[in-house]
Amino acid sequence: MADYHILAADVNGNSFNVVMHFPVPDVANQVSVNYRTAIVEWKGGAPIQSALSNIGAEQTQLDAGELYEHSIRFNSNPTENLAQKQARLDALWDSERVQKQAELVDILSFWGYERTIP
């Protein structure tokens, strides 16, 4: 499984569309619904639409709610070598992972709550 995938660059090759995959915690939200179940339901059920094609096991993980997909634009500097770009992309992935996981916890913290007032 890849943590991120580089898609097309702009015409100058300095800005890239990046698709990132983040793990979804295998824990329950505040109303005892597993976040993986909640994300699948929130996305409308499996199969979950991906920006990528032919991703095999990653698609299976998306459909099971084990992964969350996020697209972002990455601007590179023409003077950077591959190792420098990779280091910045790795750091960006980690930063986005923390942010997106926190957002999912907020968005889905009460997903599945139902109550009938007596």
PDB file of N, CA and C in Angstrom:
ATOM      1  N   MET A   1       0.834  -1.175   0.000  1.00  0.00           N
ATOM      2  CA  MET A   1       0.000   0.000   0.000  1.00  0.00           C
ATOM      3  C   MET A   1       0.878   1.238   0.000  1.00  0.00           C
ATOM      4  N   ALA A   2       0.530   2.184  -0.833  1.00  0.00           N
ATOM      5  CA  ALA A   2       1.255   3.454  -0.871  1.00  0.00           C
ATOM      6  C   ALA A   2       0.520   4.471  -0.004  1.00  0.00           C
ATOM      7  N   ASP A   3       1.275   5.289   0.696  1.00  0.00           N
ATOM      8  CA  ASP A   3       0.665   6.341   1.507  1.00  0.00           C
ATOM      9  C   ASP A   3       0.209   7.509   0.641  1.00  0.00           C
ATOM     10  N   TYR A   4       0.918   7.736  -0.461  1.00  0.00           N
ATOM     11  CA  TYR A   4       0.475   8.767  -1.392  1.00  0.00           C
ATOM     12  C   TYR A   4       0.856   8.392  -2.815  1.00  0.00           C
ATOM     13  N   HIS A   5       0.107   8.963  -3.746  1.00  0.00           N
ATOM     14  CA  HIS A   5       0.286   8.716  -5.176  1.00  0.00           C
ATOM     15  C   HIS A   5       0.379  10.069  -5.865  1.00  0.00           C
ATOM     16  N   ILE A   6       1.352  10.221  -6.746  1.00  0.00           N
ATOM     17  CA  ILE A   6       1.494  11.448  -7.525  1.00  0.00           C
ATOM     18  C   ILE A   6       0.733  11.272  -8.835  1.00  0.00           C
ATOM     19  N   LEU A   7      -0.127  12.239  -9.117  1.00  0.00           N
ATOM     20  CA  LEU A   7      -0.843  12.233 -10.382  1.00  0.00           C
ATOM     21  C   LEU A   7      -0.236  13.318 -11.266  1.00  0.00           C
ATOM     22  N   ALA A   8      -0.979  13.823 -12.175  1.00  0.00           N
ATOM     23  CA  ALA A   8      -0.470  14.774 -13.166  1.00  0.00           C
ATOM     24  C   ALA A   8       0.111  16.037 -12.549  1.00  0.00           C
ATOM     25  N   ALA A   9       1.135  16.537 -13.210  1.00  0.00           N
ATOM     26  CA  ALA A   9       1.749  17.810 -12.835  1.00  0.00           C
ATOM     27  C   ALA A   9       1.196  18.905 -13.732  1.00  0.00           C
ATOM     28  N   ASP A  10       1.435  20.148 -13.357  1.00  0.00           N
ATOM     29  CA  ASP A  10       1.055  21.250 -14.232  1.00  0.00           C
ATOM     30  C   ASP A  10       2.014  21.284 -15.432  1.00  0.00           C
ATOM     31  N   VAL A  11       1.772  22.184 -16.352  1.00  0.00           N
ATOM     32  CA  VAL A  11       2.567  22.216 -17.585  1.00  0.00           C
ATOM     33  C   VAL A  11       4.038  22.507 -17.343  1.00  0.00           C
ATOM     34  N   ASN A  12       4.356  23.149 -16.239  1.00  0.00           N
ATOM     35  CA  ASN A  12       5.754  23.439 -15.921  1.00  0.00           C
ATOM     36  C   ASN A  12       6.404  22.363 -15.053  1.00  0.00           C
ATOM     37  N   GLY A  13       5.607  21.418 -14.589  1.00  0.00           N
ATOM     38  CA  GLY A  13       6.143  20.352 -13.751  1.00  0.00           C
ATOM     39  C   GLY A  13       6.479  20.779 -12.336  1.00  0.00           C
ATOM     40  N   ASN A  14       5.868  21.854 -11.870  1.00  0.00           N
ATOM     41  CA  ASN A  14       6.184  22.369 -10.536  1.00  0.00           C
ATOM     42  C   ASN A  14       5.062  22.205  -9.514  1.00  0.00           C
ATOM     43  N   SER A  15       3.906  21.781  -9.953  1.00  0.00           N
ATOM     44  CA  SER A  15       2.774  21.599  -9.061  1.00  0.00           C
ATOM     45  C   SER A  15       2.129  20.263  -9.401  1.00  0.00           C
ATOM     46  N   PHE A  16       1.914  19.450  -8.385  1.00  0.00           N
ATOM     47  CA  PHE A  16       1.437  18.084  -8.590  1.00  0.00           C
ATOM     48  C   PHE A  16       0.145  17.835  -7.835  1.00  0.00           C
ATOM     49  N   ASN A  17      -0.734  17.049  -8.440  1.00  0.00           N
ATOM     50  CA  ASN A  17      -1.908  16.560  -7.738  1.00  0.00           C
ATOM     51  C   ASN A  17      -1.483  15.287  -7.017  1.00  0.00           C
ATOM     52  N   VAL A  18      -1.689  15.262  -5.699  1.00  0.00           N
ATOM     53  CA  VAL A  18      -1.268  14.123  -4.881  1.00  0.00           C
ATOM     54  C   VAL A  18      -2.500  13.536  -4.196  1.00  0.00           C
ATOM     55  N   VAL A  19      -2.658  12.230  -4.303  1.00  0.00           N
ATOM     56  CA  VAL A  19      -3.733  11.528  -3.606  1.00  0.00           C
ATOM     57  C   VAL A  19      -3.103  10.817  -2.420  1.00  0.00           C
ATOM     58  N   MET A  20      -3.607  11.137  -1.234  1.00  0.00           N
ATOM     59  CA  MET A  20      -3.062  10.575   0.003  1.00  0.00           C
ATOM     60  C   MET A  20      -4.061   9.607   0.623  1.00  0.00           C
ATOM     61  N   HIS A  21      -3.523   8.550   1.208  1.00  0.00           N
ATOM     62  CA  HIS A  21      -4.340   7.599   1.951  1.00  0.00           C
ATOM     63  C   HIS A  21      -3.889   7.589   3.403  1.00  0.00           C
ATOM     64  N   PHE A  22      -4.863   7.760   4.296  1.00  0.00           N
ATOM     65  CA  PHE A  22      -4.582   7.781   5.724  1.00  0.00           C
ATOM     66  C   PHE A  22      -5.310   6.623   6.405  1.00  0.00           C
ATOM     67  N   PRO A  23      -4.692   6.017   7.393  1.00  0.00           N
ATOM     68  CA  PRO A  23      -5.394   4.958   8.130  1.00  0.00           C
ATOM     69  C   PRO A  23      -6.507   5.547   8.992  1.00  0.00           C
ATOM     70  N   VAL A  24      -7.623   4.840   9.063  1.00  0.00           N
ATOM     71  CA  VAL A  24      -8.735   5.224   9.927  1.00  0.00           C
ATOM     72  C   VAL A  24      -8.626   4.373  11.189  1.00  0.00           C
ATOM     73  N   PRO A  25      -8.609   5.009  12.356  1.00  0.00           N
ATOM     74  CA  PRO A  25      -8.475   4.243  13.597  1.00  0.00           C
ATOM     75  C   PRO A  25      -9.587   3.203  13.763  1.00  0.00           C
ATOM     76  N   ASP A  26      -9.223   2.048  14.250  1.00  0.00           N
ATOM     77  CA  ASP A  26     -10.170   0.953  14.473  1.00  0.00           C
ATOM     78  C   ASP A  26     -10.685   1.037  15.913  1.00  0.00           C
ATOM     79  N   VAL A  27     -11.387   2.136  16.185  1.00  0.00           N
ATOM     80  CA  VAL A  27     -11.945   2.381  17.517  1.00  0.00           C
ATOM     81  C   VAL A  27     -13.370   2.903  17.361  1.00  0.00           C
ATOM     82  N   ALA A  28     -14.109   2.872  18.463  1.00  0.00           N
ATOM     83  CA  ALA A  28     -15.497   3.323  18.447  1.00  0.00           C
ATOM     84  C   ALA A  28     -15.599   4.818  18.723  1.00  0.00           C
ATOM     85  N   ASN A  29     -16.622   5.422  18.131  1.00  0.00           N
ATOM     86  CA  ASN A  29     -16.893   6.838  18.404  1.00  0.00           C
ATOM     87  C   ASN A  29     -17.644   6.954  19.731  1.00  0.00           C
ATOM     88  N   GLN A  30     -18.171   8.131  20.025  1.00  0.00           N
ATOM     89  CA  GLN A  30     -18.804   8.365  21.319  1.00  0.00           C
ATOM     90  C   GLN A  30     -20.108   7.612  21.528  1.00  0.00           C
ATOM     91  N   VAL A  31     -20.660   7.062  20.447  1.00  0.00           N
ATOM     92  CA  VAL A  31     -21.904   6.296  20.578  1.00  0.00           C
ATOM     93  C   VAL A  31     -21.692   4.827  20.200  1.00  0.00           C
ATOM     94  N   SER A  32     -20.447   4.383  20.328  1.00  0.00           N
ATOM     95  CA  SER A  32     -20.051   2.981  20.146  1.00  0.00           C
ATOM     96  C   SER A  32     -20.131   2.468  18.718  1.00  0.00           C
ATOM     97  N   VAL A  33     -20.052   3.361  17.727  1.00  0.00           N
ATOM     98  CA  VAL A  33     -19.973   2.954  16.325  1.00  0.00           C
ATOM     99  C   VAL A  33     -18.511   3.057  15.908  1.00  0.00           C
ATOM    100  N   ASN A  34     -17.981   1.993  15.340  1.00  0.00           N
ATOM    101  CA  ASN A  34     -16.587   2.002  14.901  1.00  0.00           C
ATOM    102  C   ASN A  34     -16.415   3.060  13.806  1.00  0.00           C
ATOM    103  N   TYR A  35     -15.332   3.824  13.904  1.00  0.00           N
ATOM    104  CA  TYR A  35     -15.080   4.874  12.908  1.00  0.00           C
ATOM    105  C   TYR A  35     -14.998   4.304  11.494  1.00  0.00           C
ATOM    106  N   ARG A  36     -14.511   3.090  11.353  1.00  0.00           N
ATOM    107  CA  ARG A  36     -14.427   2.490  10.017  1.00  0.00           C
ATOM    108  C   ARG A  36     -15.810   2.225   9.444  1.00  0.00           C
ATOM    109  N   THR A  37     -16.708   1.767  10.282  1.00  0.00           N
ATOM    110  CA  THR A  37     -18.099   1.572   9.861  1.00  0.00           C
ATOM    111  C   THR A  37     -18.740   2.918   9.560  1.00  0.00           C
ATOM    112  N   ALA A  38     -18.501   3.885  10.424  1.00  0.00           N
ATOM    113  CA  ALA A  38     -19.084   5.220  10.251  1.00  0.00           C
ATOM    114  C   ALA A  38     -18.641   5.862   8.944  1.00  0.00           C
ATOM    115  N   ILE A  39     -17.359   5.735   8.615  1.00  0.00           N
ATOM    116  CA  ILE A  39     -16.869   6.383   7.389  1.00  0.00           C
ATOM    117  C   ILE A  39     -17.457   5.739   6.140  1.00  0.00           C
ATOM    118  N   VAL A  40     -17.638   4.428   6.155  1.00  0.00           N
ATOM    119  CA  VAL A  40     -18.253   3.758   5.004  1.00  0.00           C
ATOM    120  C   VAL A  40     -19.695   4.223   4.842  1.00  0.00           C
ATOM    121  N   GLU A  41     -20.417   4.296   5.947  1.00  0.00           N
ATOM    122  CA  GLU A  41     -21.811   4.757   5.882  1.00  0.00           C
ATOM    123  C   GLU A  41     -21.869   6.223   5.450  1.00  0.00           C
ATOM    124  N   TRP A  42     -20.980   7.056   5.986  1.00  0.00           N
ATOM    125  CA  TRP A  42     -20.921   8.479   5.657  1.00  0.00           C
ATOM    126  C   TRP A  42     -20.647   8.690   4.168  1.00  0.00           C
ATOM    127  N   LYS A  43     -19.799   7.842   3.601  1.00  0.00           N
ATOM    128  CA  LYS A  43     -19.455   7.940   2.181  1.00  0.00           C
ATOM    129  C   LYS A  43     -20.505   7.297   1.272  1.00  0.00           C
ATOM    130  N   GLY A  44     -21.574   6.743   1.851  1.00  0.00           N
ATOM    131  CA  GLY A  44     -22.643   6.170   1.041  1.00  0.00           C
ATOM    132  C   GLY A  44     -22.500   4.685   0.779  1.00  0.00           C
ATOM    133  N   GLY A  45     -21.611   4.038   1.501  1.00  0.00           N
ATOM    134  CA  GLY A  45     -21.415   2.600   1.351  1.00  0.00           C
ATOM    135  C   GLY A  45     -20.362   2.261   0.317  1.00  0.00           C
ATOM    136  N   ALA A  46     -19.980   0.996   0.329  1.00  0.00           N
ATOM    137  CA  ALA A  46     -18.966   0.510  -0.608  1.00  0.00           C
ATOM    138  C   ALA A  46     -19.639   0.194  -1.945  1.00  0.00           C
ATOM    139  N   PRO A  47     -18.921   0.331  -3.040  1.00  0.00           N
ATOM    140  CA  PRO A  47     -17.537   0.772  -3.132  1.00  0.00           C
ATOM    141  C   PRO A  47     -17.412   2.285  -2.949  1.00  0.00           C
ATOM    142  N   ILE A  48     -16.336   2.662  -2.320  1.00  0.00           N
ATOM    143  CA  ILE A  48     -16.048   4.073  -2.106  1.00  0.00           C
ATOM    144  C   ILE A  48     -15.264   4.590  -3.305  1.00  0.00           C
ATOM    145  N   GLN A  49     -15.745   5.667  -3.869  1.00  0.00           N
ATOM    146  CA  GLN A  49     -15.122   6.260  -5.060  1.00  0.00           C
ATOM    147  C   GLN A  49     -13.710   6.735  -4.751  1.00  0.00           C
ATOM    148  N   SER A  50     -12.768   6.338  -5.592  1.00  0.00           N
ATOM    149  CA  SER A  50     -11.378   6.767  -5.458  1.00  0.00           C
ATOM    150  C   SER A  50     -10.993   7.626  -6.654  1.00  0.00           C
ATOM    151  N   ALA A  51     -10.066   8.527  -6.440  1.00  0.00           N
ATOM    152  CA  ALA A  51      -9.518   9.330  -7.533  1.00  0.00           C
ATOM    153  C   ALA A  51      -8.563   8.505  -8.380  1.00  0.00           C
ATOM    154  N   LEU A  52      -8.230   7.322  -7.906  1.00  0.00           N
ATOM    155  CA  LEU A  52      -7.269   6.441  -8.580  1.00  0.00           C
ATOM    156  C   LEU A  52      -7.983   5.250  -9.188  1.00  0.00           C
ATOM    157  N   SER A  53      -7.353   4.630 -10.140  1.00  0.00           N
ATOM    158  CA  SER A  53      -7.908   3.400 -10.715  1.00  0.00           C
ATOM    159  C   SER A  53      -6.905   2.268 -10.515  1.00  0.00           C
ATOM    160  N   ASN A  54      -7.418   1.076 -10.501  1.00  0.00           N
ATOM    161  CA  ASN A  54      -6.570  -0.125 -10.390  1.00  0.00           C
ATOM    162  C   ASN A  54      -5.640  -0.079  -9.185  1.00  0.00           C
ATOM    163  N   ILE A  55      -6.201   0.194  -8.000  1.00  0.00           N
ATOM    164  CA  ILE A  55      -5.362   0.255  -6.808  1.00  0.00           C
ATOM    165  C   ILE A  55      -5.470  -1.000  -5.950  1.00  0.00           C
ATOM    166  N   GLY A  56      -6.173  -2.012  -6.447  1.00  0.00           N
ATOM    167  CA  GLY A  56      -6.194  -3.323  -5.816  1.00  0.00           C
ATOM    168  C   GLY A  56      -6.547  -3.329  -4.342  1.00  0.00           C
ATOM    169  N   ALA A  57      -5.584  -3.735  -3.525  1.00  0.00           N
ATOM    170  CA  ALA A  57      -5.810  -3.888  -2.085  1.00  0.00           C
ATOM    171  C   ALA A  57      -6.191  -2.570  -1.424  1.00  0.00           C
ATOM    172  N   GLU A  58      -5.692  -1.476  -1.948  1.00  0.00           N
ATOM    173  CA  GLU A  58      -6.052  -0.179  -1.372  1.00  0.00           C
ATOM    174  C   GLU A  58      -7.549   0.099  -1.551  1.00  0.00           C
ATOM    175  N   GLN A  59      -8.111  -0.310  -2.683  1.00  0.00           N
ATOM    176  CA  GLN A  59      -9.549  -0.135  -2.887  1.00  0.00           C
ATOM    177  C   GLN A  59     -10.321  -0.971  -1.878  1.00  0.00           C
ATOM    178  N   THR A  60      -9.846  -2.184  -1.627  1.00  0.00           N
ATOM    179  CA  THR A  60     -10.477  -3.044  -0.625  1.00  0.00           C
ATOM    180  C   THR A  60     -10.440  -2.373   0.740  1.00  0.00           C
ATOM    181  N   GLN A  61      -9.321  -1.740   1.075  1.00  0.00           N
ATOM    182  CA  GLN A  61      -9.201  -1.044   2.357  1.00  0.00           C
ATOM    183  C   GLN A  61     -10.085   0.204   2.418  1.00  0.00           C
ATOM    184  N   LEU A  62     -10.197   0.928   1.307  1.00  0.00           N
ATOM    185  CA  LEU A  62     -11.117   2.072   1.258  1.00  0.00           C
ATOM    186  C   LEU A  62     -12.551   1.610   1.484  1.00  0.00           C
ATOM    187  N   ASP A  63     -12.944   0.533   0.801  1.00  0.00           N
ATOM    188  CA  ASP A  63     -14.298   0.012   0.911  1.00  0.00           C
ATOM    189  C   ASP A  63     -14.622  -0.481   2.311  1.00  0.00           C
ATOM    190  N   ALA A  64     -13.600  -0.927   3.040  1.00  0.00           N
ATOM    191  CA  ALA A  64     -13.790  -1.418   4.415  1.00  0.00           C
ATOM    192  C   ALA A  64     -13.690  -0.293   5.444  1.00  0.00           C
ATOM    193  N   GLY A  65     -13.390   0.921   4.993  1.00  0.00           N
ATOM    194  CA  GLY A  65     -13.256   2.035   5.915  1.00  0.00           C
ATOM    195  C   GLY A  65     -11.922   2.067   6.636  1.00  0.00           C
ATOM    196  N   GLU A  66     -10.981   1.255   6.209  1.00  0.00           N
ATOM    197  CA  GLU A  66      -9.663   1.220   6.850  1.00  0.00           C
ATOM    198  C   GLU A  66      -8.790   2.389   6.415  1.00  0.00           C
ATOM    199  N   LEU A  67      -9.072   2.931   5.227  1.00  0.00           N
ATOM    200  CA  LEU A  67      -8.321   4.065   4.694  1.00  0.00           C
ATOM    201  C   LEU A  67      -9.271   5.196   4.343  1.00  0.00           C
ATOM    202  N   TYR A  68      -8.758   6.409   4.450  1.00  0.00           N
ATOM    203  CA  TYR A  68      -9.469   7.609   4.024  1.00  0.00           C
ATOM    204  C   TYR A  68      -8.626   8.272   2.949  1.00  0.00           C
ATOM    205  N   GLU A  69      -9.256   8.670   1.855  1.00  0.00           N
ATOM    206  CA  GLU A  69      -8.530   9.274   0.738  1.00  0.00           C
ATOM    207  C   GLU A  69      -8.720  10.789   0.725  1.00  0.00           C
ATOM    208  N   HIS A  70      -7.617  11.479   0.461  1.00  0.00           N
ATOM    209  CA  HIS A  70      -7.614  12.948   0.437  1.00  0.00           C
ATOM    210  C   HIS A  70      -6.690  13.406  -0.687  1.00  0.00           C
ATOM    211  N   SER A  71      -7.154  14.338  -1.499  1.00  0.00           N
ATOM    212  CA  SER A  71      -6.334  14.892  -2.576  1.00  0.00           C
ATOM    213  C   SER A  71      -5.850  16.282  -2.197  1.00  0.00           C
ATOM    214  N   ILE A  72      -4.638  16.593  -2.615  1.00  0.00           N
ATOM    215  CA  ILE A  72      -4.033  17.879  -2.281  1.00  0.00           C
ATOM    216  C   ILE A  72      -3.110  18.297  -3.420  1.00  0.00           C
ATOM    217  N   ARG A  73      -2.872  19.565  -3.526  1.00  0.00           N
ATOM    218  CA  ARG A  73      -1.921  20.103  -4.514  1.00  0.00           C
ATOM    219  C   ARG A  73      -0.585  20.301  -3.814  1.00  0.00           C
ATOM    220  N   PHE A  74       0.481  19.813  -4.434  1.00  0.00           N
ATOM    221  CA  PHE A  74       1.827  19.943  -3.876  1.00  0.00           C
ATOM    222  C   PHE A  74       2.652  20.792  -4.830  1.00  0.00           C
ATOM    223  N   ASN A  75       3.157  21.897  -4.329  1.00  0.00           N
ATOM    224  CA  ASN A  75       3.998  22.776  -5.140  1.00  0.00           C
ATOM    225  C   ASN A  75       5.453  22.478  -4.843  1.00  0.00           C
ATOM    226  N   SER A  76       6.199  22.182  -5.884  1.00  0.00           N
ATOM    227  CA  SER A  76       7.620  21.907  -5.694  1.00  0.00           C
ATOM    228  C   SER A  76       8.443  23.072  -6.222  1.00  0.00           C
ATOM    229  N   ASN A  77       9.669  23.047  -5.854  1.00  0.00           N
ATOM    230  CA  ASN A  77      10.611  24.060  -6.295  1.00  0.00           C
ATOM    231  C   ASN A  77      11.506  23.422  -7.353  1.00  0.00           C
ATOM    232  N   PRO A  78      11.683  24.042  -8.507  1.00  0.00           N
ATOM    233  CA  PRO A  78      12.494  23.439  -9.568  1.00  0.00           C
ATOM    234  C   PRO A  78      13.942  23.155  -9.151  1.00  0.00           C
ATOM    235  N   THR A  79      14.415  23.830  -8.112  1.00  0.00           N
ATOM    236  CA  THR A  79      15.798  23.599  -7.673  1.00  0.00           C
ATOM    237  C   THR A  79      15.928  22.412  -6.731  1.00  0.00           C
ATOM    238  N   GLU A  80      14.785  21.864  -6.265  1.00  0.00           N
ATOM    239  CA  GLU A  80      14.827  20.711  -5.357  1.00  0.00           C
ATOM    240  C   GLU A  80      15.150  19.439  -6.120  1.00  0.00           C
ATOM    241  N   ASN A  81      15.940  18.582  -5.501  1.00  0.00           N
ATOM    242  CA  ASN A  81      16.160  17.264  -6.094  1.00  0.00           C
ATOM    243  C   ASN A  81      15.070  16.315  -5.589  1.00  0.00           C
ATOM    244  N   LEU A  82      15.056  15.093  -6.079  1.00  0.00           N
ATOM    245  CA  LEU A  82      14.019  14.127  -5.728  1.00  0.00           C
ATOM    246  C   LEU A  82      13.978  13.864  -4.228  1.00  0.00           C
ATOM    247  N   ALA A  83      15.116  13.713  -3.595  1.00  0.00           N
ATOM    248  CA  ALA A  83      15.152  13.442  -2.152  1.00  0.00           C
ATOM    249  C   ALA A  83      14.547  14.590  -1.355  1.00  0.00           C
ATOM    250  N   GLN A  84      14.786  15.817  -1.768  1.00  0.00           N
ATOM    251  CA  GLN A  84      14.220  16.972  -1.072  1.00  0.00           C
ATOM    252  C   GLN A  84      12.699  17.025  -1.251  1.00  0.00           C
ATOM    253  N   LYS A  85      12.238  16.760  -2.472  1.00  0.00           N
ATOM    254  CA  LYS A  85      10.796  16.739  -2.722  1.00  0.00           C
ATOM    255  C   LYS A  85      10.139  15.630  -1.912  1.00  0.00           C
ATOM    256  N   GLN A  86      10.777  14.480  -1.887  1.00  0.00           N
ATOM    257  CA  GLN A  86      10.236  13.349  -1.145  1.00  0.00           C
ATOM    258  C   GLN A  86      10.146  13.666   0.350  1.00  0.00           C
ATOM    259  N   ALA A  87      11.156  14.295   0.905  1.00  0.00           N
ATOM    260  CA  ALA A  87      11.152  14.645   2.329  1.00  0.00           C
ATOM    261  C   ALA A  87      10.010  15.616   2.639  1.00  0.00           C
ATOM    262  N   ARG A  88       9.803  16.596   1.771  1.00  0.00           N
ATOM    263  CA  ARG A  88       8.706  17.546   1.982  1.00  0.00           C
ATOM    264  C   ARG A  88       7.350  16.887   1.814  1.00  0.00           C
ATOM    265  N   LEU A  89       7.238  15.986   0.838  1.00  0.00           N
ATOM    266  CA  LEU A  89       5.976  15.265   0.654  1.00  0.00           C
ATOM    267  C   LEU A  89       5.680  14.345   1.835  1.00  0.00           C
ATOM    268  N   ASP A  90       6.700  13.675   2.342  1.00  0.00           N
ATOM    269  CA  ASP A  90       6.514  12.814   3.513  1.00  0.00           C
ATOM    270  C   ASP A  90       6.031  13.629   4.707  1.00  0.00           C
ATOM    271  N   ALA A  91       6.638  14.795   4.922  1.00  0.00           N
ATOM    272  CA  ALA A  91       6.239  15.663   6.029  1.00  0.00           C
ATOM    273  C   ALA A  91       4.812  16.182   5.813  1.00  0.00           C
ATOM    274  N   LEU A  92       4.481  16.518   4.576  1.00  0.00           N
ATOM    275  CA  LEU A  92       3.136  16.980   4.259  1.00  0.00           C
ATOM    276  C   LEU A  92       2.124  15.873   4.515  1.00  0.00           C
ATOM    277  N   TRP A  93       2.441  14.645   4.106  1.00  0.00           N
ATOM    278  CA  TRP A  93       1.547  13.512   4.343  1.00  0.00           C
ATOM    279  C   TRP A  93       1.280  13.369   5.842  1.00  0.00           C
ATOM    280  N   ASP A  94       2.332  13.429   6.642  1.00  0.00           N
ATOM    281  CA  ASP A  94       2.171  13.258   8.084  1.00  0.00           C
ATOM    282  C   ASP A  94       1.327  14.377   8.678  1.00  0.00           C
ATOM    283  N   SER A  95       1.560  15.596   8.264  1.00  0.00           N
ATOM    284  CA  SER A  95       0.786  16.735   8.744  1.00  0.00           C
ATOM    285  C   SER A  95      -0.684  16.609   8.348  1.00  0.00           C
ATOM    286  N   GLU A  96      -0.934  16.261   7.099  1.00  0.00           N
ATOM    287  CA  GLU A  96      -2.307  16.083   6.615  1.00  0.00           C
ATOM    288  C   GLU A  96      -2.993  14.917   7.314  1.00  0.00           C
ATOM    289  N   ARG A  97      -2.245  13.844   7.583  1.00  0.00           N
ATOM    290  CA  ARG A  97      -2.804  12.681   8.283  1.00  0.00           C
ATOM    291  C   ARG A  97      -3.339  13.091   9.647  1.00  0.00           C
ATOM    292  N   VAL A  98      -2.528  13.806  10.417  1.00  0.00           N
ATOM    293  CA  VAL A  98      -2.942  14.244  11.751  1.00  0.00           C
ATOM    294  C   VAL A  98      -4.190  15.121  11.654  1.00  0.00           C
ATOM    295  N   GLN A  99      -4.183  16.063  10.720  1.00  0.00           N
ATOM    296  CA  GLN A  99      -5.312  16.976  10.558  1.00  0.00           C
ATOM    297  C   GLN A  99      -6.571  16.235  10.126  1.00  0.00           C
ATOM    298  N   LYS A 100      -6.467  15.373   9.126  1.00  0.00           N
ATOM    299  CA  LYS A 100      -7.652  14.671   8.608  1.00  0.00           C
ATOM    300  C   LYS A 100      -8.202  13.679   9.616  1.00  0.00           C
ATOM    301  N   GLN A 101      -7.328  12.989  10.349  1.00  0.00           N
ATOM    302  CA  GLN A 101      -7.823  12.064  11.368  1.00  0.00           C
ATOM    303  C   GLN A 101      -8.586  12.832  12.451  1.00  0.00           C
ATOM    304  N   ALA A 102      -8.089  13.996  12.846  1.00  0.00           N
ATOM    305  CA  ALA A 102      -8.781  14.813  13.844  1.00  0.00           C
ATOM    306  C   ALA A 102     -10.130  15.299  13.299  1.00  0.00           C
ATOM    307  N   GLU A 103     -10.160  15.686  12.036  1.00  0.00           N
ATOM    308  CA  GLU A 103     -11.417  16.124  11.423  1.00  0.00           C
ATOM    309  C   GLU A 103     -12.435  14.995  11.391  1.00  0.00           C
ATOM    310  N   LEU A 104     -11.983  13.788  11.036  1.00  0.00           N
ATOM    311  CA  LEU A 104     -12.898  12.643  10.989  1.00  0.00           C
ATOM    312  C   LEU A 104     -13.471  12.341  12.363  1.00  0.00           C
ATOM    313  N   VAL A 105     -12.647  12.453  13.398  1.00  0.00           N
ATOM    314  CA  VAL A 105     -13.131  12.232  14.763  1.00  0.00           C
ATOM    315  C   VAL A 105     -14.227  13.245  15.083  1.00  0.00           C
ATOM    316  N   ASP A 106     -14.019  14.508  14.715  1.00  0.00           N
ATOM    317  CA  ASP A 106     -15.031  15.537  14.966  1.00  0.00           C
ATOM    318  C   ASP A 106     -16.306  15.276  14.153  1.00  0.00           C
ATOM    319  N   ILE A 107     -16.146  15.016  12.878  1.00  0.00           N
ATOM    320  CA  ILE A 107     -17.294  14.845  11.982  1.00  0.00           C
ATOM    321  C   ILE A 107     -18.128  13.622  12.349  1.00  0.00           C
ATOM    322  N   LEU A 108     -17.457  12.537  12.714  1.00  0.00           N
ATOM    323  CA  LEU A 108     -18.151  11.261  12.915  1.00  0.00           C
ATOM    324  C   LEU A 108     -18.285  10.844  14.376  1.00  0.00           C
ATOM    325  N   SER A 109     -18.028  11.765  15.300  1.00  0.00           N
ATOM    326  CA  SER A 109     -18.020  11.386  16.719  1.00  0.00           C
ATOM    327  C   SER A 109     -19.387  10.915  17.227  1.00  0.00           C
ATOM    328  N   PHE A 110     -20.470  11.391  16.615  1.00  0.00           N
ATOM    329  CA  PHE A 110     -21.804  10.940  17.036  1.00  0.00           C
ATOM    330  C   PHE A 110     -22.548  10.219  15.914  1.00  0.00           C
ATOM    331  N   TRP A 111     -21.807   9.820  14.876  1.00  0.00           N
ATOM    332  CA  TRP A 111     -22.438   9.118  13.754  1.00  0.00           C
ATOM    333  C   TRP A 111     -23.110   7.848  14.275  1.00  0.00           C
ATOM    334  N   GLY A 112     -24.346   7.662  13.884  1.00  0.00           N
ATOM    335  CA  GLY A 112     -25.079   6.462  14.268  1.00  0.00           C
ATOM    336  C   GLY A 112     -25.937   6.619  15.507  1.00  0.00           C
ATOM    337  N   TYR A 113     -25.923   7.816  16.112  1.00  0.00           N
ATOM    338  CA  TYR A 113     -26.724   8.019  17.317  1.00  0.00           C
ATOM    339  C   TYR A 113     -28.193   8.149  16.951  1.00  0.00           C
ATOM    340  N   GLU A 114     -29.007   7.403  17.656  1.00  0.00           N
ATOM    341  CA  GLU A 114     -30.459   7.472  17.477  1.00  0.00           C
ATOM    342  C   GLU A 114     -31.101   7.474  18.851  1.00  0.00           C
ATOM    343  N   ARG A 115     -32.201   8.163  18.949  1.00  0.00           N
ATOM    344  CA  ARG A 115     -32.922   8.176  20.223  1.00  0.00           C
ATOM    345  C   ARG A 115     -34.399   8.373  19.951  1.00  0.00           C
ATOM    346  N   THR A 116     -35.199   7.593  20.640  1.00  0.00           N
ATOM    347  CA  THR A 116     -36.643   7.772  20.612  1.00  0.00           C
ATOM    348  C   THR A 116     -37.039   8.314  21.969  1.00  0.00           C
ATOM    349  N   ILE A 117     -37.672   9.456  21.958  1.00  0.00           N
ATOM    350  CA  ILE A 117     -38.072  10.084  23.218  1.00  0.00           C
ATOM    351  C   ILE A 117     -39.319   9.364  23.745  1.00  0.00           C
ATOM    352  N   PRO A 118     -39.221   8.896  24.993  1.00  0.00           N
ATOM    353  CA  PRO A 118     -40.374   8.165  25.560  1.00  0.00           C
ATOM    354  C   PRO A 118     -41.573   9.059  25.800  1.00  0.00           C
TER     355      PRO A 118
END
